[in-house]
Structure formats: structure tokens, C-alpha cells
Protein backbone atom coordinates (compact mmCIF):
# COMPACT_ATOMS: atom_id res chain seq x y z
CA MET A 1 0.00 0.00 0.00
CA THR A 2 1.12 3.54 -0.75
CA PRO A 3 0.82 6.21 1.97
CA VAL A 4 -1.10 9.33 0.94
CA MET A 5 -1.28 11.13 4.31
CA ASN A 6 1.32 12.27 6.83
CA ASN A 7 1.19 13.18 10.53
CA THR A 8 0.75 16.87 9.74
CA LYS A 9 -2.35 16.20 7.61
CA TRP A 10 -3.80 13.80 10.20
CA ASN A 11 -3.35 16.48 12.85
CA GLU A 12 -4.96 19.15 10.63
CA LEU A 13 -7.91 16.81 10.14
CA ARG A 14 -8.19 16.15 13.89
CA LEU A 15 -8.08 19.82 14.85
CA SER A 16 -10.49 20.87 12.10
CA MET A 17 -13.08 18.22 12.98
CA SER A 18 -12.77 19.00 16.67
CA GLY A 19 -13.25 22.68 15.83
CA LEU A 20 -16.68 22.03 14.35
CA GLY A 21 -18.17 21.93 17.85
CA LYS A 22 -21.77 20.68 17.74
CA LEU A 23 -21.34 19.74 14.07
CA SER A 24 -18.32 17.53 14.81
CA PRO A 25 -19.01 14.12 13.21
CA GLN A 26 -18.50 10.52 14.32
CA PHE A 27 -15.51 8.60 12.96
CA ARG A 28 -14.07 5.11 12.84
CA VAL A 29 -10.66 3.92 11.68
CA ARG A 30 -9.46 0.81 9.83
CA ASN A 31 -6.05 -0.56 10.82
CA LEU A 32 -3.90 -1.38 7.81
CA GLN A 33 -2.07 -4.32 9.46
CA SER A 34 -4.93 -6.10 11.22
CA GLY A 35 -7.90 -4.99 9.14
CA ASN A 36 -9.77 -4.20 12.35
CA VAL A 37 -12.26 -1.36 12.25
CA SER A 38 -12.70 0.68 15.42
CA GLU A 39 -16.00 1.48 17.06
CA TRP A 40 -17.63 4.78 16.13
CA ASP A 41 -16.30 7.66 18.18
CA GLY A 42 -17.01 11.37 18.22
CA GLU A 43 -14.17 12.72 20.35
CA TRP A 44 -11.66 14.04 17.82
CA PHE A 45 -9.40 16.11 20.06
CA HIS A 46 -8.23 13.39 22.48
CA HIS A 47 -9.29 10.07 20.93
CA PHE A 48 -7.95 10.83 17.44
CA TYR A 49 -4.68 12.20 18.80
CA GLY A 50 -1.45 10.36 18.11
CA ARG A 51 0.28 8.41 15.41
CA HIS A 52 -1.57 7.24 12.31
CA GLU A 53 1.06 5.16 10.49
CA GLU A 54 -1.30 2.16 10.45
CA ASP A 55 -4.56 3.98 9.60
CA GLU A 56 -5.70 2.69 6.22
CA TRP A 57 -8.71 4.98 6.24
CA VAL A 58 -10.98 7.05 8.45
CA GLU A 59 -14.69 6.89 7.79
CA ILE A 60 -16.66 9.97 8.80
CA ALA A 61 -20.41 9.75 9.40
CA VAL A 62 -22.72 12.73 9.12
CA SER A 63 -26.29 12.93 10.34
CA SER A 64 -27.72 15.96 8.56
CA PRO A 65 -27.29 18.03 5.40
CA THR A 66 -25.96 20.90 7.52
CA GLN A 67 -23.34 18.68 9.11
CA ARG A 68 -22.41 17.18 5.72
CA GLN A 69 -21.78 20.65 4.29
CA ALA A 70 -19.73 21.76 7.30
CA VAL A 71 -17.59 18.61 7.23
CA LEU A 72 -17.07 18.83 3.47
CA GLN A 73 -15.95 22.43 3.79
CA VAL A 74 -13.37 21.40 6.41
CA LEU A 75 -12.17 18.43 4.35
CA ARG A 76 -11.69 20.68 1.33
CA SER A 77 -9.79 23.27 3.36
CA VAL A 78 -7.45 20.59 4.74
CA HIS A 79 -7.23 19.04 1.23
CA VAL A 80 -7.20 15.35 2.12
CA PRO A 81 -7.35 12.28 -0.13
CA GLY A 82 -10.83 10.85 0.10
CA THR A 83 -14.27 10.29 -1.28
CA THR A 84 -17.89 10.91 -0.44
CA THR A 85 -20.04 8.00 0.77
CA PRO A 86 -23.78 7.67 1.38
CA ALA A 87 -23.11 7.96 5.13
CA GLY A 88 -20.53 10.78 4.86
CA PHE A 89 -16.90 10.59 3.80
CA LYS A 90 -13.85 8.35 3.76
CA VAL A 91 -10.35 9.80 4.11
CA PHE A 92 -7.55 7.55 2.91
CA GLY A 93 -4.26 7.04 4.70
CA TYR A 94 -3.11 4.42 2.18
CA VAL A 95 -4.14 3.34 -1.30
CA PRO A 96 -3.08 0.37 -3.44
CA PRO A 97 0.05 1.04 -5.55
CA GLY A 98 -0.74 2.82 -8.79
CA GLU A 99 -4.32 3.67 -7.75
CA GLN A 100 -5.37 7.24 -8.38
CA VAL A 101 -6.98 9.04 -5.47
CA GLU A 102 -9.20 12.09 -5.52
CA TYR A 103 -8.75 14.92 -3.05
CA LEU A 104 -11.69 16.52 -1.28
């Protein structure tokens, strides 16, 4: 797998999502090595803090059109590799070699 994020970008994402206050979304993370997916969590500032070398992706769930728009605006300002999903967004930490990735 090819890394497409670094610690600076992960931290920008964490701080930006935490900064949304009441519009801060839920997230869960998939571990690249084990394939395990974490439980949904909404505490970005402390629970998302740390190293992300093994984060294959972070899925972000939104619960309203207003929250979707606020989260999308933040994702675009941070300029992260990802995609929209029916439930929200997915930000990639790694992609398969040679695979093109879109940036939000």
C-alpha cells in the first residue's frame, strides 16, 4: 500500500473536525495491518490524537445536510485524499500502488 497522508495532515484533520463543535461528526478507523475497524467515536481532540502510520482509512459519518456541508468544507480546506459516501466521507491514509486518489 502507498501512503497518501502524513502526521501533519492527520493532525490538521483532527483539529479541524474538533473545531466544528456541535457539528463535529462521528468517525471510525481501519487498521492497515490487522484490518480491524474501530468502534464509532465522536471525540476528535483526544481520541484521534497520536500516530496514524497504520490507519488505512478514516470513515466519517454525518447525520444531517448541515453537518455534511460543514464537514465537506473542512475536508476541502485541509485538502485530504478521500471520497464521499452515502453515510458521509472516507479519508484515505493508504491506497493500493498505482491507484489514483481524488482529493476533497
